[in-house]
Amino acid sequence: MRFMGSQVKIYFIKPGLQTLVQDNGRMGQQAFGVPVGGVMDKSAARIANWLVGNDVKSPLLEIALTGPHIEFEGDCQIAIAGADISPTIDGKPVNMYQTITVNDGTELKFRALKNGCRAYLSIGGDWQIKKWLNSSSAFLLSDQNLTPDSIPVKGDHLVIEGIKNVDVKSFPPRLQPKHQSPIQIGIIPGPEFDDFSKKAVDHFLNNQHTISNDYNRMGYRLETILSDFDPKQEVISSGIVPGTIQITNSGQPIILMADAQTTGGYPRIGNVITAHMDKLAQAKPGDQIKFSLVKLEDAYQALRDNEATMNLLLK
């Protein structure tokens, strides 16, 4: 391992549509109404950090749909994983899922979105980002700007200290996700699953659902209106988590995501299994989703299998 320099700065010539600093989020704050937040695609973020020698919990940039234009001051190593937004370095296409060395004055741009939704840009070193509630993740749900360093705008810059050079690594192409639509998503029944009619459940499980333009890090609203849905009085406000699928009074499903509120009053027909949340994070408006019921033990097994595979590959 060779140290390249004490510090690098990255300047945002353009921030992109929604470029945010994210890490693993704010665990343990949900009782106070603060969502977990953090990276949407945990696997992609973990791989990107591994490629530059950072800890899995290190901050990095989450880039949605259209990417930023960044200039580097200083030498460093970077990696990009997740959605393919056609990254280029000084005008030349750059490979994803591998360690890349960039030099002082290098410019990184993103062009057309080819597949997926969210890309993750890691930079080797210690990110100098102010934390709120023990996390550097951008918090978007308040009138107060509680995480100013984590929501870059044009002209902003970020500082990374302790720049080091690690051995160049890559992630196997055969294991890189393809982000294809329709997306097959496993769910377990929600607390109010049995309150829905058989016809409504059949409609939900036997059809593909299109993600609408009402779409963000809080949740994805689907274009579907469930057949034979009889809206009853809203349930008592109850706990919800990322992956919870609520049905509004109009019969429209909403899949809650990383920045979702911590309680809600709509009936919960199901919950996306944890092992499939990364796939869902790469969905975008116009993509289609197909749900299937999964036994709880199978959901746990899928999560264990995913974790075992990642631990083996990223050792």
C-alpha atoms as a PDB file:
ATOM      1  CA  MET A   1       0.000   0.000   0.000  1.00  0.00           C
ATOM      2  CA  ARG A   2       1.445   3.384  -1.042  1.00  0.00           C
ATOM      3  CA  PHE A   3       0.220   6.754   0.213  1.00  0.00           C
ATOM      4  CA  MET A   4      -0.469   9.075  -2.720  1.00  0.00           C
ATOM      5  CA  GLY A   5      -0.883  12.342  -0.841  1.00  0.00           C
ATOM      6  CA  SER A   6      -2.452  13.690   2.299  1.00  0.00           C
ATOM      7  CA  GLN A   7      -5.587  15.093   0.743  1.00  0.00           C
ATOM      8  CA  VAL A   8      -7.780  15.259  -2.335  1.00  0.00           C
ATOM      9  CA  LYS A   9     -10.632  17.643  -3.096  1.00  0.00           C
ATOM     10  CA  ILE A  10     -13.489  16.994  -5.479  1.00  0.00           C
ATOM     11  CA  TYR A  11     -15.281  19.979  -6.992  1.00  0.00           C
ATOM     12  CA  PHE A  12     -18.858  19.818  -8.255  1.00  0.00           C
ATOM     13  CA  ILE A  13     -18.977  21.666 -11.562  1.00  0.00           C
ATOM     14  CA  LYS A  14     -22.485  20.236 -11.914  1.00  0.00           C
ATOM     15  CA  PRO A  15     -24.173  18.209  -9.151  1.00  0.00           C
ATOM     16  CA  GLY A  16     -26.405  16.022 -11.338  1.00  0.00           C
ATOM     17  CA  LEU A  17     -30.084  15.310 -10.735  1.00  0.00           C
ATOM     18  CA  GLN A  18     -29.708  13.952  -7.194  1.00  0.00           C
ATOM     19  CA  THR A  19     -26.156  13.313  -6.060  1.00  0.00           C
ATOM     20  CA  LEU A  20     -25.954  12.689  -2.322  1.00  0.00           C
ATOM     21  CA  VAL A  21     -23.406  11.582   0.235  1.00  0.00           C
ATOM     22  CA  GLN A  22     -24.646   8.373   1.831  1.00  0.00           C
ATOM     23  CA  ASP A  23     -23.360   5.734   4.226  1.00  0.00           C
ATOM     24  CA  ASN A  24     -25.115   2.902   6.096  1.00  0.00           C
ATOM     25  CA  GLY A  25     -27.651   5.283   7.619  1.00  0.00           C
ATOM     26  CA  ARG A  26     -28.976   6.143  11.073  1.00  0.00           C
ATOM     27  CA  MET A  27     -29.757   2.928  12.880  1.00  0.00           C
ATOM     28  CA  GLY A  28     -31.499   3.166  16.240  1.00  0.00           C
ATOM     29  CA  GLN A  29     -33.218   6.521  15.680  1.00  0.00           C
ATOM     30  CA  GLN A  30     -36.597   5.282  14.415  1.00  0.00           C
ATOM     31  CA  ALA A  31     -38.280   5.684  17.822  1.00  0.00           C
ATOM     32  CA  PHE A  32     -37.717   9.422  17.375  1.00  0.00           C
ATOM     33  CA  GLY A  33     -39.244   9.480  13.894  1.00  0.00           C
ATOM     34  CA  VAL A  34     -35.904   9.558  12.044  1.00  0.00           C
ATOM     35  CA  PRO A  35     -35.710   7.124   9.110  1.00  0.00           C
ATOM     36  CA  VAL A  36     -32.730   4.834   8.639  1.00  0.00           C
ATOM     37  CA  GLY A  37     -31.884   6.399   5.280  1.00  0.00           C
ATOM     38  CA  GLY A  38     -28.459   5.547   3.904  1.00  0.00           C
ATOM     39  CA  VAL A  39     -27.537   3.935   0.607  1.00  0.00           C
ATOM     40  CA  MET A  40     -30.426   2.441  -1.355  1.00  0.00           C
ATOM     41  CA  ASP A  41     -28.371  -0.322  -3.024  1.00  0.00           C
ATOM     42  CA  LYS A  42     -26.247  -1.680  -0.192  1.00  0.00           C
ATOM     43  CA  SER A  43     -24.454  -4.292  -2.306  1.00  0.00           C
ATOM     44  CA  ALA A  44     -23.318  -1.814  -4.956  1.00  0.00           C
ATOM     45  CA  ALA A  45     -22.114   0.632  -2.289  1.00  0.00           C
ATOM     46  CA  ARG A  46     -20.268  -2.114  -0.444  1.00  0.00           C
ATOM     47  CA  ILE A  47     -18.510  -3.260  -3.622  1.00  0.00           C
ATOM     48  CA  ALA A  48     -17.505   0.300  -4.544  1.00  0.00           C
ATOM     49  CA  ASN A  49     -15.958   0.900  -1.121  1.00  0.00           C
ATOM     50  CA  TRP A  50     -14.166  -2.460  -1.207  1.00  0.00           C
ATOM     51  CA  LEU A  51     -12.576  -1.627  -4.565  1.00  0.00           C
ATOM     52  CA  VAL A  52     -10.779   1.413  -3.080  1.00  0.00           C
ATOM     53  CA  GLY A  53      -9.950  -0.154   0.283  1.00  0.00           C
ATOM     54  CA  ASN A  54     -12.513   1.771   2.326  1.00  0.00           C
ATOM     55  CA  ASP A  55     -14.535   0.327   5.178  1.00  0.00           C
ATOM     56  CA  VAL A  56     -18.008  -0.851   4.164  1.00  0.00           C
ATOM     57  CA  LYS A  57     -19.527   1.877   6.350  1.00  0.00           C
ATOM     58  CA  SER A  58     -17.562   4.689   4.699  1.00  0.00           C
ATOM     59  CA  PRO A  59     -19.435   7.521   2.969  1.00  0.00           C
ATOM     60  CA  LEU A  60     -19.624   7.652  -0.808  1.00  0.00           C
ATOM     61  CA  LEU A  61     -21.675   9.387  -3.486  1.00  0.00           C
ATOM     62  CA  GLU A  62     -25.049   8.002  -4.522  1.00  0.00           C
ATOM     63  CA  ILE A  63     -25.857   9.223  -8.046  1.00  0.00           C
ATOM     64  CA  ALA A  64     -29.416   8.940  -9.393  1.00  0.00           C
ATOM     65  CA  LEU A  65     -30.403   8.802 -13.085  1.00  0.00           C
ATOM     66  CA  THR A  66     -28.099  11.585 -14.323  1.00  0.00           C
ATOM     67  CA  GLY A  67     -24.611  12.060 -12.980  1.00  0.00           C
ATOM     68  CA  PRO A  68     -22.513  14.991 -11.799  1.00  0.00           C
ATOM     69  CA  HIS A  69     -19.526  16.683 -13.435  1.00  0.00           C
ATOM     70  CA  ILE A  70     -16.627  16.463 -10.974  1.00  0.00           C
ATOM     71  CA  GLU A  71     -13.060  17.748 -11.045  1.00  0.00           C
ATOM     72  CA  PHE A  72     -10.355  16.201  -8.843  1.00  0.00           C
ATOM     73  CA  GLU A  73      -7.658  18.210  -7.103  1.00  0.00           C
ATOM     74  CA  GLY A  74      -4.990  15.690  -6.164  1.00  0.00           C
ATOM     75  CA  ASP A  75      -4.319  12.045  -7.025  1.00  0.00           C
ATOM     76  CA  CYS A  76      -6.571   9.291  -5.711  1.00  0.00           C
ATOM     77  CA  GLN A  77      -8.328   6.045  -6.509  1.00  0.00           C
ATOM     78  CA  ILE A  78     -12.024   5.739  -7.279  1.00  0.00           C
ATOM     79  CA  ALA A  79     -14.533   3.043  -8.178  1.00  0.00           C
ATOM     80  CA  ILE A  80     -18.053   3.107  -9.613  1.00  0.00           C
ATOM     81  CA  ALA A  81     -20.667   0.380  -9.090  1.00  0.00           C
ATOM     82  CA  GLY A  82     -24.423   0.042  -9.546  1.00  0.00           C
ATOM     83  CA  ALA A  83     -26.260   1.691 -12.437  1.00  0.00           C
ATOM     84  CA  ASP A  84     -24.402   2.289 -15.689  1.00  0.00           C
ATOM     85  CA  ILE A  85     -24.653   6.036 -16.363  1.00  0.00           C
ATOM     86  CA  SER A  86     -21.854   5.963 -18.959  1.00  0.00           C
ATOM     87  CA  PRO A  87     -19.028   7.397 -16.825  1.00  0.00           C
ATOM     88  CA  THR A  88     -16.106   9.075 -18.600  1.00  0.00           C
ATOM     89  CA  ILE A  89     -12.751  10.344 -17.391  1.00  0.00           C
ATOM     90  CA  ASP A  90     -11.391  13.259 -19.403  1.00  0.00           C
ATOM     91  CA  GLY A  91     -13.837  12.347 -22.162  1.00  0.00           C
ATOM     92  CA  LYS A  92     -12.936   8.648 -22.372  1.00  0.00           C
ATOM     93  CA  PRO A  93     -15.281   5.831 -21.254  1.00  0.00           C
ATOM     94  CA  VAL A  94     -14.241   4.229 -17.990  1.00  0.00           C
ATOM     95  CA  ASN A  95     -14.878   0.704 -16.727  1.00  0.00           C
ATOM     96  CA  MET A  96     -17.142   0.143 -13.770  1.00  0.00           C
ATOM     97  CA  TYR A  97     -16.637  -2.331 -10.929  1.00  0.00           C
ATOM     98  CA  GLN A  98     -12.861  -1.870 -10.807  1.00  0.00           C
ATOM     99  CA  THR A  99     -10.267   0.275  -9.055  1.00  0.00           C
ATOM    100  CA  ILE A 100      -9.343   3.356 -11.101  1.00  0.00           C
ATOM    101  CA  THR A 101      -6.461   5.749 -10.448  1.00  0.00           C
ATOM    102  CA  VAL A 102      -7.184   9.399 -11.253  1.00  0.00           C
ATOM    103  CA  ASN A 103      -4.692  12.243 -11.301  1.00  0.00           C
ATOM    104  CA  ASP A 104      -4.793  15.877 -10.302  1.00  0.00           C
ATOM    105  CA  GLY A 105      -7.014  17.840 -12.678  1.00  0.00           C
ATOM    106  CA  THR A 106      -8.977  14.812 -13.883  1.00  0.00           C
ATOM    107  CA  GLU A 107     -12.615  15.429 -14.795  1.00  0.00           C
ATOM    108  CA  LEU A 108     -15.297  12.783 -14.278  1.00  0.00           C
ATOM    109  CA  LYS A 109     -18.580  13.071 -16.162  1.00  0.00           C
ATOM    110  CA  PHE A 110     -21.618  10.863 -16.689  1.00  0.00           C
ATOM    111  CA  ARG A 111     -23.584  10.625 -19.922  1.00  0.00           C
ATOM    112  CA  ALA A 112     -26.601   8.497 -20.898  1.00  0.00           C
ATOM    113  CA  LEU A 113     -28.240   6.122 -18.446  1.00  0.00           C
ATOM    114  CA  LYS A 114     -27.899   2.601 -19.882  1.00  0.00           C
ATOM    115  CA  ASN A 115     -29.461   0.527 -17.111  1.00  0.00           C
ATOM    116  CA  GLY A 116     -30.406   0.704 -13.462  1.00  0.00           C
ATOM    117  CA  CYS A 117     -31.047   3.921 -11.558  1.00  0.00           C
ATOM    118  CA  ARG A 118     -28.370   4.568  -8.914  1.00  0.00           C
ATOM    119  CA  ALA A 119     -24.592   4.506  -9.275  1.00  0.00           C
ATOM    120  CA  TYR A 120     -22.140   4.650  -6.371  1.00  0.00           C
ATOM    121  CA  LEU A 121     -18.852   6.548  -6.551  1.00  0.00           C
ATOM    122  CA  SER A 122     -16.286   5.711  -3.881  1.00  0.00           C
ATOM    123  CA  ILE A 123     -13.008   7.556  -3.308  1.00  0.00           C
ATOM    124  CA  GLY A 124     -10.276   5.940  -1.245  1.00  0.00           C
ATOM    125  CA  GLY A 125      -9.544   7.736   2.029  1.00  0.00           C
ATOM    126  CA  ASP A 126     -11.274   9.334   4.991  1.00  0.00           C
ATOM    127  CA  TRP A 127     -14.174  11.570   3.979  1.00  0.00           C
ATOM    128  CA  GLN A 128     -14.289  14.827   5.928  1.00  0.00           C
ATOM    129  CA  ILE A 129     -18.056  15.036   6.256  1.00  0.00           C
ATOM    130  CA  LYS A 130     -19.989  16.401   9.205  1.00  0.00           C
ATOM    131  CA  LYS A 131     -22.233  13.805  10.821  1.00  0.00           C
ATOM    132  CA  TRP A 132     -25.712  14.092  12.238  1.00  0.00           C
ATOM    133  CA  LEU A 133     -26.866  11.338  14.618  1.00  0.00           C
ATOM    134  CA  ASN A 134     -23.693   9.362  13.855  1.00  0.00           C
ATOM    135  CA  SER A 135     -24.217   9.288  10.093  1.00  0.00           C
ATOM    136  CA  SER A 136     -23.014  11.311   7.103  1.00  0.00           C
ATOM    137  CA  SER A 137     -26.066  10.358   5.031  1.00  0.00           C
ATOM    138  CA  ALA A 138     -28.047  13.182   3.461  1.00  0.00           C
ATOM    139  CA  PHE A 139     -31.253  13.937   5.374  1.00  0.00           C
ATOM    140  CA  LEU A 140     -33.878  15.354   3.026  1.00  0.00           C
ATOM    141  CA  LEU A 141     -36.992  15.358   5.210  1.00  0.00           C
ATOM    142  CA  SER A 142     -36.577  18.587   7.143  1.00  0.00           C
ATOM    143  CA  ASP A 143     -36.878  22.303   6.433  1.00  0.00           C
ATOM    144  CA  GLN A 144     -33.587  22.648   8.281  1.00  0.00           C
ATOM    145  CA  ASN A 145     -30.459  21.674   6.381  1.00  0.00           C
ATOM    146  CA  LEU A 146     -29.104  19.249   8.968  1.00  0.00           C
ATOM    147  CA  THR A 147     -26.592  17.655   6.588  1.00  0.00           C
ATOM    148  CA  PRO A 148     -25.251  20.497   4.414  1.00  0.00           C
ATOM    149  CA  ASP A 149     -22.047  18.660   3.451  1.00  0.00           C
ATOM    150  CA  SER A 150     -24.032  15.687   2.171  1.00  0.00           C
ATOM    151  CA  ILE A 151     -26.226  17.495  -0.386  1.00  0.00           C
ATOM    152  CA  PRO A 152     -23.723  18.983  -2.847  1.00  0.00           C
ATOM    153  CA  VAL A 153     -24.710  21.836  -5.131  1.00  0.00           C
ATOM    154  CA  LYS A 154     -22.874  23.545  -7.970  1.00  0.00           C
ATOM    155  CA  GLY A 155     -19.589  24.993  -6.754  1.00  0.00           C
ATOM    156  CA  ASP A 156     -19.345  22.830  -3.623  1.00  0.00           C
ATOM    157  CA  HIS A 157     -16.345  20.676  -2.844  1.00  0.00           C
ATOM    158  CA  LEU A 158     -15.628  17.693  -0.621  1.00  0.00           C
ATOM    159  CA  VAL A 159     -12.355  16.819   1.104  1.00  0.00           C
ATOM    160  CA  ILE A 160     -10.952  13.308   1.506  1.00  0.00           C
ATOM    161  CA  GLU A 161      -7.921  12.831   3.770  1.00  0.00           C
ATOM    162  CA  GLY A 162      -5.431   9.988   4.092  1.00  0.00           C
ATOM    163  CA  ILE A 163      -5.308   9.141   0.405  1.00  0.00           C
ATOM    164  CA  LYS A 164      -3.691   5.748  -0.203  1.00  0.00           C
ATOM    165  CA  ASN A 165      -3.015   3.554  -3.202  1.00  0.00           C
ATOM    166  CA  VAL A 166      -4.352  -0.006  -2.955  1.00  0.00           C
ATOM    167  CA  ASP A 167      -3.829  -2.897  -5.342  1.00  0.00           C
ATOM    168  CA  VAL A 168      -6.110  -2.645  -8.354  1.00  0.00           C
ATOM    169  CA  LYS A 169      -9.119  -4.933  -7.989  1.00  0.00           C
ATOM    170  CA  SER A 170     -12.226  -5.755  -9.996  1.00  0.00           C
ATOM    171  CA  PHE A 171     -15.578  -7.393  -9.315  1.00  0.00           C
ATOM    172  CA  PRO A 172     -16.410 -10.420 -11.522  1.00  0.00           C
ATOM    173  CA  PRO A 173     -18.478  -9.393 -14.589  1.00  0.00           C
ATOM    174  CA  ARG A 174     -20.647 -12.522 -14.316  1.00  0.00           C
ATOM    175  CA  LEU A 175     -21.847 -11.363 -10.881  1.00  0.00           C
ATOM    176  CA  GLN A 176     -22.574  -7.774 -11.820  1.00  0.00           C
ATOM    177  CA  PRO A 177     -26.370  -7.206 -11.769  1.00  0.00           C
ATOM    178  CA  LYS A 178     -28.123  -6.553 -15.088  1.00  0.00           C
ATOM    179  CA  HIS A 179     -31.009  -4.395 -13.776  1.00  0.00           C
ATOM    180  CA  GLN A 180     -33.614  -5.844 -16.141  1.00  0.00           C
ATOM    181  CA  SER A 181     -37.358  -5.134 -16.205  1.00  0.00           C
ATOM    182  CA  PRO A 182     -39.693  -6.693 -15.145  1.00  0.00           C
ATOM    183  CA  ILE A 183     -38.054  -7.008 -11.753  1.00  0.00           C
ATOM    184  CA  GLN A 184     -38.938 -10.143  -9.805  1.00  0.00           C
ATOM    185  CA  ILE A 185     -39.537  -9.154  -6.185  1.00  0.00           C
ATOM    186  CA  GLY A 186     -40.254 -11.530  -3.316  1.00  0.00           C
ATOM    187  CA  ILE A 187     -42.514 -10.380  -0.496  1.00  0.00           C
ATOM    188  CA  ILE A 188     -43.803 -11.749   2.786  1.00  0.00           C
ATOM    189  CA  PRO A 189     -47.410 -11.043   3.853  1.00  0.00           C
ATOM    190  CA  GLY A 190     -47.954  -7.778   5.689  1.00  0.00           C
ATOM    191  CA  PRO A 191     -49.895  -7.391   8.954  1.00  0.00           C
ATOM    192  CA  GLU A 192     -53.139  -6.542   7.099  1.00  0.00           C
ATOM    193  CA  PHE A 193     -52.685  -9.086   4.283  1.00  0.00           C
ATOM    194  CA  ASP A 194     -55.743 -11.099   5.341  1.00  0.00           C
ATOM    195  CA  ASP A 195     -57.944  -7.983   5.282  1.00  0.00           C
ATOM    196  CA  PHE A 196     -57.703  -7.846   1.480  1.00  0.00           C
ATOM    197  CA  SER A 197     -60.146  -9.811  -0.679  1.00  0.00           C
ATOM    198  CA  LYS A 198     -58.889 -12.798  -2.653  1.00  0.00           C
ATOM    199  CA  LYS A 199     -59.547 -10.915  -5.881  1.00  0.00           C
ATOM    200  CA  ALA A 200     -57.462  -7.941  -4.729  1.00  0.00           C
ATOM    201  CA  VAL A 201     -54.601 -10.208  -3.636  1.00  0.00           C
ATOM    202  CA  ASP A 202     -54.746 -12.137  -6.912  1.00  0.00           C
ATOM    203  CA  HIS A 203     -54.601  -8.862  -8.843  1.00  0.00           C
ATOM    204  CA  PHE A 204     -51.604  -7.764  -6.792  1.00  0.00           C
ATOM    205  CA  LEU A 205     -49.674 -11.027  -7.204  1.00  0.00           C
ATOM    206  CA  ASN A 206     -50.636 -12.082 -10.733  1.00  0.00           C
ATOM    207  CA  ASN A 207     -49.960  -8.853 -12.611  1.00  0.00           C
ATOM    208  CA  GLN A 208     -46.981  -6.687 -13.413  1.00  0.00           C
ATOM    209  CA  HIS A 209     -46.948  -3.216 -11.888  1.00  0.00           C
ATOM    210  CA  THR A 210     -45.396  -0.109 -13.438  1.00  0.00           C
ATOM    211  CA  ILE A 211     -43.471   2.368 -11.314  1.00  0.00           C
ATOM    212  CA  SER A 212     -45.007   5.817 -11.686  1.00  0.00           C
ATOM    213  CA  ASN A 213     -43.283   9.192 -11.879  1.00  0.00           C
ATOM    214  CA  ASP A 214     -44.245   9.744  -8.222  1.00  0.00           C
ATOM    215  CA  TYR A 215     -41.000   8.196  -7.170  1.00  0.00           C
ATOM    216  CA  ASN A 216     -38.190   9.121  -4.768  1.00  0.00           C
ATOM    217  CA  ARG A 217     -36.058   7.828  -1.911  1.00  0.00           C
ATOM    218  CA  MET A 218     -39.113   7.836   0.375  1.00  0.00           C
ATOM    219  CA  GLY A 219     -41.161   5.487  -1.783  1.00  0.00           C
ATOM    220  CA  TYR A 220     -42.318   4.276  -5.193  1.00  0.00           C
ATOM    221  CA  ARG A 221     -45.970   4.757  -6.084  1.00  0.00           C
ATOM    222  CA  LEU A 222     -47.180   2.170  -8.605  1.00  0.00           C
ATOM    223  CA  GLU A 223     -49.631   2.927 -11.421  1.00  0.00           C
ATOM    224  CA  THR A 224     -51.841  -0.008 -10.406  1.00  0.00           C
ATOM    225  CA  ILE A 225     -55.289   0.369  -8.850  1.00  0.00           C
ATOM    226  CA  LEU A 226     -56.203  -2.903  -7.143  1.00  0.00           C
ATOM    227  CA  SER A 227     -59.439  -4.483  -8.307  1.00  0.00           C
ATOM    228  CA  ASP A 228     -62.108  -5.293  -5.719  1.00  0.00           C
ATOM    229  CA  PHE A 229     -60.411  -3.103  -3.149  1.00  0.00           C
ATOM    230  CA  ASP A 230     -62.749  -1.918  -0.424  1.00  0.00           C
ATOM    231  CA  PRO A 231     -61.132   0.955   1.453  1.00  0.00           C
ATOM    232  CA  LYS A 232     -61.921   0.714   5.131  1.00  0.00           C
ATOM    233  CA  GLN A 233     -61.152   3.094   7.911  1.00  0.00           C
ATOM    234  CA  GLU A 234     -57.406   3.621   8.068  1.00  0.00           C
ATOM    235  CA  VAL A 235     -55.599   1.328  10.464  1.00  0.00           C
ATOM    236  CA  ILE A 236     -54.090   2.707  13.640  1.00  0.00           C
ATOM    237  CA  SER A 237     -50.781   4.322  12.774  1.00  0.00           C
ATOM    238  CA  SER A 238     -48.240   1.528  13.047  1.00  0.00           C
ATOM    239  CA  GLY A 239     -44.570   0.904  12.482  1.00  0.00           C
ATOM    240  CA  ILE A 240     -43.277   0.604   8.924  1.00  0.00           C
ATOM    241  CA  VAL A 241     -39.850  -0.150   7.502  1.00  0.00           C
ATOM    242  CA  PRO A 242     -38.142   0.131   4.111  1.00  0.00           C
ATOM    243  CA  GLY A 243     -39.828  -2.440   1.880  1.00  0.00           C
ATOM    244  CA  THR A 244     -43.280  -2.115   3.435  1.00  0.00           C
ATOM    245  CA  ILE A 245     -45.991  -2.028   0.746  1.00  0.00           C
ATOM    246  CA  GLN A 246     -48.968   0.116   1.699  1.00  0.00           C
ATOM    247  CA  ILE A 247     -52.260   0.390  -0.186  1.00  0.00           C
ATOM    248  CA  THR A 248     -53.798   3.863  -0.285  1.00  0.00           C
ATOM    249  CA  ASN A 249     -57.546   4.497  -0.030  1.00  0.00           C
ATOM    250  CA  SER A 250     -57.683   4.619  -3.832  1.00  0.00           C
ATOM    251  CA  GLY A 251     -56.232   1.101  -4.044  1.00  0.00           C
ATOM    252  CA  GLN A 252     -52.798   2.237  -5.217  1.00  0.00           C
ATOM    253  CA  PRO A 253     -49.687   0.452  -3.864  1.00  0.00           C
ATOM    254  CA  ILE A 254     -46.726   2.410  -2.475  1.00  0.00           C
ATOM    255  CA  ILE A 255     -43.421   0.663  -1.776  1.00  0.00           C
ATOM    256  CA  LEU A 256     -41.609   2.446   1.036  1.00  0.00           C
ATOM    257  CA  MET A 257     -37.891   2.961   0.593  1.00  0.00           C
ATOM    258  CA  ALA A 258     -34.858   4.093   2.625  1.00  0.00           C
ATOM    259  CA  ASP A 259     -36.070   7.601   3.547  1.00  0.00           C
ATOM    260  CA  ALA A 260     -39.640   6.581   4.369  1.00  0.00           C
ATOM    261  CA  GLN A 261     -41.382   7.776   7.513  1.00  0.00           C
ATOM    262  CA  THR A 262     -41.323   5.411  10.477  1.00  0.00           C
ATOM    263  CA  THR A 263     -45.095   5.034  10.985  1.00  0.00           C
ATOM    264  CA  GLY A 264     -48.104   4.969   8.674  1.00  0.00           C
ATOM    265  CA  GLY A 265     -51.851   4.459   8.656  1.00  0.00           C
ATOM    266  CA  TYR A 266     -52.492   2.667   5.360  1.00  0.00           C
ATOM    267  CA  PRO A 267     -53.011  -1.124   5.333  1.00  0.00           C
ATOM    268  CA  ARG A 268     -49.825  -3.099   4.680  1.00  0.00           C
ATOM    269  CA  ILE A 269     -50.339  -5.859   2.136  1.00  0.00           C
ATOM    270  CA  GLY A 270     -46.748  -7.063   2.208  1.00  0.00           C
ATOM    271  CA  ASN A 271     -43.093  -6.356   2.763  1.00  0.00           C
ATOM    272  CA  VAL A 272     -40.282  -6.764   0.256  1.00  0.00           C
ATOM    273  CA  ILE A 273     -37.728  -9.312   1.463  1.00  0.00           C
ATOM    274  CA  THR A 274     -34.404  -7.766   2.452  1.00  0.00           C
ATOM    275  CA  ALA A 275     -32.490  -9.792  -0.138  1.00  0.00           C
ATOM    276  CA  HIS A 276     -34.422  -8.047  -2.937  1.00  0.00           C
ATOM    277  CA  MET A 277     -34.205  -4.441  -1.726  1.00  0.00           C
ATOM    278  CA  ASP A 278     -31.025  -3.802  -3.720  1.00  0.00           C
ATOM    279  CA  LYS A 279     -32.781  -4.870  -6.920  1.00  0.00           C
ATOM    280  CA  LEU A 280     -35.636  -2.540  -6.087  1.00  0.00           C
ATOM    281  CA  ALA A 281     -33.209   0.326  -5.456  1.00  0.00           C
ATOM    282  CA  GLN A 282     -32.167   0.134  -9.118  1.00  0.00           C
ATOM    283  CA  ALA A 283     -35.741   0.433 -10.427  1.00  0.00           C
ATOM    284  CA  LYS A 284     -36.898   3.675 -12.046  1.00  0.00           C
ATOM    285  CA  PRO A 285     -40.134   5.180 -13.418  1.00  0.00           C
ATOM    286  CA  GLY A 286     -41.525   3.054 -16.230  1.00  0.00           C
ATOM    287  CA  ASP A 287     -39.899  -0.164 -14.974  1.00  0.00           C
ATOM    288  CA  GLN A 288     -42.207  -3.038 -14.146  1.00  0.00           C
ATOM    289  CA  ILE A 289     -42.334  -5.166 -11.013  1.00  0.00           C
ATOM    290  CA  LYS A 290     -43.752  -8.650 -10.485  1.00  0.00           C
ATOM    291  CA  PHE A 291     -44.394  -9.722  -6.886  1.00  0.00           C
ATOM    292  CA  SER A 292     -44.416 -13.256  -5.494  1.00  0.00           C
ATOM    293  CA  LEU A 293     -45.085 -14.527  -1.991  1.00  0.00           C
ATOM    294  CA  VAL A 294     -42.071 -15.998  -0.180  1.00  0.00           C
ATOM    295  CA  LYS A 295     -42.031 -18.053   2.993  1.00  0.00           C
ATOM    296  CA  LEU A 296     -40.340 -16.346   5.922  1.00  0.00           C
ATOM    297  CA  GLU A 297     -37.700 -19.069   6.210  1.00  0.00           C
ATOM    298  CA  ASP A 298     -36.899 -18.724   2.508  1.00  0.00           C
ATOM    299  CA  ALA A 299     -36.550 -14.949   2.917  1.00  0.00           C
ATOM    300  CA  TYR A 300     -34.028 -15.485   5.721  1.00  0.00           C
ATOM    301  CA  GLN A 301     -32.157 -18.062   3.643  1.00  0.00           C
ATOM    302  CA  ALA A 302     -31.926 -15.714   0.645  1.00  0.00           C
ATOM    303  CA  LEU A 303     -30.463 -13.025   2.906  1.00  0.00           C
ATOM    304  CA  ARG A 304     -27.924 -15.450   4.385  1.00  0.00           C
ATOM    305  CA  ASP A 305     -26.938 -16.658   0.912  1.00  0.00           C
ATOM    306  CA  ASN A 306     -26.429 -13.090  -0.306  1.00  0.00           C
ATOM    307  CA  GLU A 307     -24.291 -12.214   2.689  1.00  0.00           C
ATOM    308  CA  ALA A 308     -22.203 -15.377   2.384  1.00  0.00           C
ATOM    309  CA  THR A 309     -21.538 -14.683  -1.297  1.00  0.00           C
ATOM    310  CA  MET A 310     -20.506 -11.084  -0.637  1.00  0.00           C
ATOM    311  CA  ASN A 311     -18.224 -12.087   2.250  1.00  0.00           C
ATOM    312  CA  LEU A 312     -16.535 -14.676   0.029  1.00  0.00           C
ATOM    313  CA  LEU A 313     -16.007 -12.291  -2.875  1.00  0.00           C
ATOM    314  CA  LEU A 314     -14.965  -9.236  -0.859  1.00  0.00           C
ATOM    315  CA  LYS A 315     -12.520 -10.867   1.512  1.00  0.00           C
END
